[in-house]
Amino acid sequence: MPVQTLDSAIFDAAPIGLLYSEDRLIRRCNHRFAAIFGYGAEELVGQSLALLYPSPDDFDHTGQQWSRELSLHGVYADERIMRRKGDALFWCRVRGQSMDPSRPLTRAVWSFSDISAERPVVALTRRERQVGMLLVEGLTAKEIARRLEISPRTVHVHKTRLMTRFGVRNSLELVRCLTSGPV
């Protein structure tokens, strides 16, 4: 079997969603990636990754985050809410690597895993989702504020809203809800 054909077979048979993107356009994806999002692979090729985000703001903000992290480290990882065909939201684990850190989104390889069985979605604002995801990563209010380019006071306001929404008394209980309960 020629190497190119073997490479294609391995890419297509991978047990996680794989994606190759250029300038945030889907250039190639495997069947698992397409299935996670509820599409056929042929429907996604050539599409903007914006199709898979809850909102244009989420797409723009994530692009800025990806650019920053890929420029600094060449790799990116997070857990985020994404959108399936038909607009259903779900939690997804994302890992990416730039093929050229000096131009991070020009060419990149990504893996996506559906973690919705572990972390169901509840309706949160975009900012609440962002603050919640960063709390789960163990960041302090000051670190979250720097990452999101907002004030630490604003972070505390969102954190307080999340605690009220989930009926918890402290950050530890909130993180437990965000990682194992309905989110």
Protein backbone atom coordinates (compact mmCIF):
# COMPACT_ATOMS: atom_id res chain seq x y z
CA MET A 1 0.00 0.00 0.00
CA PRO A 2 1.54 3.39 -0.94
CA VAL A 3 2.44 5.69 1.97
CA GLN A 4 -0.06 8.40 0.97
CA THR A 5 -2.92 5.90 0.88
CA LEU A 6 -1.87 4.46 4.25
CA ASP A 7 -1.68 7.97 5.74
CA SER A 8 -5.18 8.71 4.46
CA ALA A 9 -6.52 5.43 5.83
CA ILE A 10 -5.01 6.15 9.26
CA PHE A 11 -6.38 9.72 9.29
CA ASP A 12 -9.86 8.55 8.29
CA ALA A 13 -9.94 5.63 10.77
CA ALA A 14 -8.73 7.57 13.83
CA PRO A 15 -11.02 7.10 16.86
CA ILE A 16 -11.11 10.86 17.54
CA GLY A 17 -12.19 13.75 15.35
CA LEU A 18 -9.29 15.05 13.25
CA LEU A 19 -9.24 18.26 11.26
CA TYR A 20 -6.74 20.07 9.05
CA SER A 21 -7.53 23.76 8.64
CA GLU A 22 -6.11 26.66 6.66
CA ASP A 23 -7.02 30.16 7.80
CA ARG A 24 -9.84 28.65 9.88
CA LEU A 25 -11.37 26.93 6.85
CA ILE A 26 -11.89 23.17 6.97
CA ARG A 27 -9.63 21.63 4.35
CA ARG A 28 -9.84 18.04 5.50
CA CYS A 29 -11.60 16.18 8.29
CA ASN A 30 -12.10 12.56 9.15
CA HIS A 31 -15.43 10.78 9.47
CA ARG A 32 -15.30 10.84 13.28
CA PHE A 33 -14.96 14.65 13.29
CA ALA A 34 -17.93 14.99 10.92
CA ALA A 35 -20.00 12.57 13.01
CA ILE A 36 -19.29 14.49 16.24
CA PHE A 37 -20.81 17.58 14.64
CA GLY A 38 -23.63 15.72 12.86
CA TYR A 39 -22.41 16.29 9.29
CA GLY A 40 -21.00 14.23 6.48
CA ALA A 41 -17.30 14.97 5.88
CA GLU A 42 -18.09 16.22 2.35
CA GLU A 43 -20.48 18.83 3.83
CA LEU A 44 -17.70 20.35 5.94
CA VAL A 45 -14.78 20.58 3.53
CA GLY A 46 -14.37 24.20 2.45
CA GLN A 47 -16.59 25.54 5.26
CA SER A 48 -15.49 28.07 7.87
CA LEU A 49 -15.02 26.74 11.39
CA ALA A 50 -17.55 29.45 12.37
CA LEU A 51 -20.24 26.93 11.39
CA LEU A 52 -19.35 24.90 14.50
CA TYR A 53 -19.46 27.68 17.11
CA PRO A 54 -22.41 28.81 19.25
CA SER A 55 -22.08 32.38 17.97
CA PRO A 56 -19.93 34.64 15.75
CA ASP A 57 -18.54 36.22 18.95
CA ASP A 58 -17.43 32.79 20.22
CA PHE A 59 -15.74 32.13 16.87
CA ASP A 60 -13.94 35.49 16.90
CA HIS A 61 -12.86 35.26 20.54
CA THR A 62 -11.59 31.70 20.11
CA GLY A 63 -9.61 32.73 17.04
CA GLN A 64 -7.89 35.41 19.11
CA GLN A 65 -7.14 32.89 21.88
CA TRP A 66 -5.87 30.28 19.41
CA SER A 67 -3.68 32.84 17.67
CA ARG A 68 -2.13 34.01 20.93
CA GLU A 69 -1.51 30.53 22.34
CA LEU A 70 -0.30 29.01 19.06
CA SER A 71 2.09 31.93 18.52
CA LEU A 72 3.53 31.53 22.01
CA HIS A 73 3.58 27.75 22.35
CA GLY A 74 2.75 26.20 18.97
CA VAL A 75 -0.01 24.15 20.63
CA TYR A 76 -3.46 24.85 22.08
CA ALA A 77 -5.81 22.89 24.33
CA ASP A 78 -9.14 23.57 25.98
CA GLU A 79 -12.64 22.29 26.60
CA ARG A 80 -15.38 24.38 25.06
CA ILE A 81 -18.99 24.41 23.99
CA MET A 82 -19.47 23.80 20.28
CA ARG A 83 -22.53 23.55 18.00
CA ARG A 84 -23.77 20.50 16.09
CA LYS A 85 -25.79 20.55 12.90
CA GLY A 86 -29.30 21.55 13.98
CA ASP A 87 -27.91 23.98 16.58
CA ALA A 88 -27.59 21.58 19.56
CA LEU A 89 -24.77 22.70 21.88
CA PHE A 90 -22.30 20.25 23.43
CA TRP A 91 -18.99 20.17 25.30
CA CYS A 92 -15.94 19.36 23.23
CA ARG A 93 -12.26 18.79 24.11
CA VAL A 94 -10.06 20.58 21.56
CA ARG A 95 -6.32 20.11 20.95
CA GLY A 96 -4.44 21.86 18.18
CA GLN A 97 -1.02 22.42 16.75
CA SER A 98 0.11 25.09 14.33
CA MET A 99 2.27 24.01 11.44
CA ASP A 100 3.84 27.51 11.41
CA PRO A 101 3.83 29.29 14.81
CA SER A 102 4.79 32.59 13.15
CA ARG A 103 1.44 32.44 11.29
CA PRO A 104 -0.53 30.28 13.72
CA LEU A 105 -3.89 29.89 11.99
CA THR A 106 -2.56 29.62 8.44
CA ARG A 107 -2.18 25.84 8.70
CA ALA A 108 -3.13 23.82 11.78
CA VAL A 109 -4.02 20.29 12.81
CA TRP A 110 -6.75 19.72 15.40
CA SER A 111 -8.33 16.90 17.39
CA PHE A 112 -11.87 17.09 18.78
CA SER A 113 -13.50 14.77 21.33
CA ASP A 114 -17.16 14.89 22.32
CA ILE A 115 -17.28 15.02 26.12
CA SER A 116 -20.98 15.84 26.40
CA ALA A 117 -21.73 12.56 28.20
CA GLU A 118 -19.42 13.71 30.99
CA ARG A 119 -20.53 17.34 30.91
CA PRO A 120 -24.06 18.18 29.81
CA VAL A 121 -24.80 21.75 28.70
CA VAL A 122 -27.06 24.28 30.41
CA ALA A 123 -27.80 27.70 29.02
CA LEU A 124 -25.02 30.12 29.98
CA THR A 125 -23.94 33.39 28.44
CA ARG A 126 -20.75 33.35 26.38
CA ARG A 127 -18.88 35.17 29.16
CA GLU A 128 -20.22 32.77 31.82
CA ARG A 129 -18.98 29.84 29.71
CA GLN A 130 -15.57 31.48 29.33
CA VAL A 131 -15.22 32.25 33.04
CA GLY A 132 -16.47 28.75 33.94
CA MET A 133 -14.01 27.03 31.58
CA LEU A 134 -11.11 29.03 33.00
CA LEU A 135 -12.18 28.35 36.60
CA VAL A 136 -12.14 24.64 35.77
CA GLU A 137 -8.57 25.06 34.47
CA GLY A 138 -7.64 26.37 37.93
CA LEU A 139 -7.04 30.01 37.01
CA THR A 140 -7.49 32.74 39.61
CA ALA A 141 -9.81 35.70 39.06
CA LYS A 142 -6.81 37.87 38.18
CA GLU A 143 -5.53 35.30 35.65
CA ILE A 144 -9.00 34.96 34.13
CA ALA A 145 -9.30 38.74 33.92
CA ARG A 146 -5.98 38.99 32.07
CA ARG A 147 -6.90 36.14 29.71
CA LEU A 148 -10.33 37.61 28.89
CA GLU A 149 -9.15 41.22 29.00
CA ILE A 150 -11.74 42.21 31.61
CA SER A 151 -11.42 43.42 35.21
CA PRO A 152 -11.07 40.99 38.14
CA ARG A 153 -14.26 42.58 39.54
CA THR A 154 -16.16 41.55 36.39
CA VAL A 155 -14.81 38.01 36.77
CA HIS A 156 -16.17 37.94 40.33
CA VAL A 157 -19.57 39.14 39.11
CA HIS A 158 -19.75 36.28 36.57
CA LYS A 159 -18.47 33.77 39.11
CA THR A 160 -21.15 34.91 41.61
CA ARG A 161 -23.85 34.51 38.94
CA LEU A 162 -22.58 31.01 38.18
CA MET A 163 -22.60 30.09 41.87
CA THR A 164 -26.18 31.37 42.19
CA ARG A 165 -27.28 29.54 39.04
CA PHE A 166 -25.81 26.24 40.28
CA GLY A 167 -26.89 26.77 43.90
CA VAL A 168 -23.39 26.37 45.34
CA ARG A 169 -21.64 28.23 48.15
CA ASN A 170 -17.99 28.29 47.09
CA SER A 171 -15.56 27.95 44.19
CA LEU A 172 -14.79 24.30 44.91
CA GLU A 173 -18.47 23.33 44.66
CA LEU A 174 -18.80 25.43 41.50
CA VAL A 175 -15.85 23.69 39.83
CA ARG A 176 -17.30 20.31 40.84
CA CYS A 177 -20.63 21.28 39.19
CA LEU A 178 -18.89 22.56 36.11
CA THR A 179 -16.80 19.41 35.66
CA SER A 180 -19.24 16.68 36.61
CA GLY A 181 -22.74 18.07 36.85
CA PRO A 182 -24.93 19.87 34.40
CA VAL A 183 -23.13 22.73 32.65
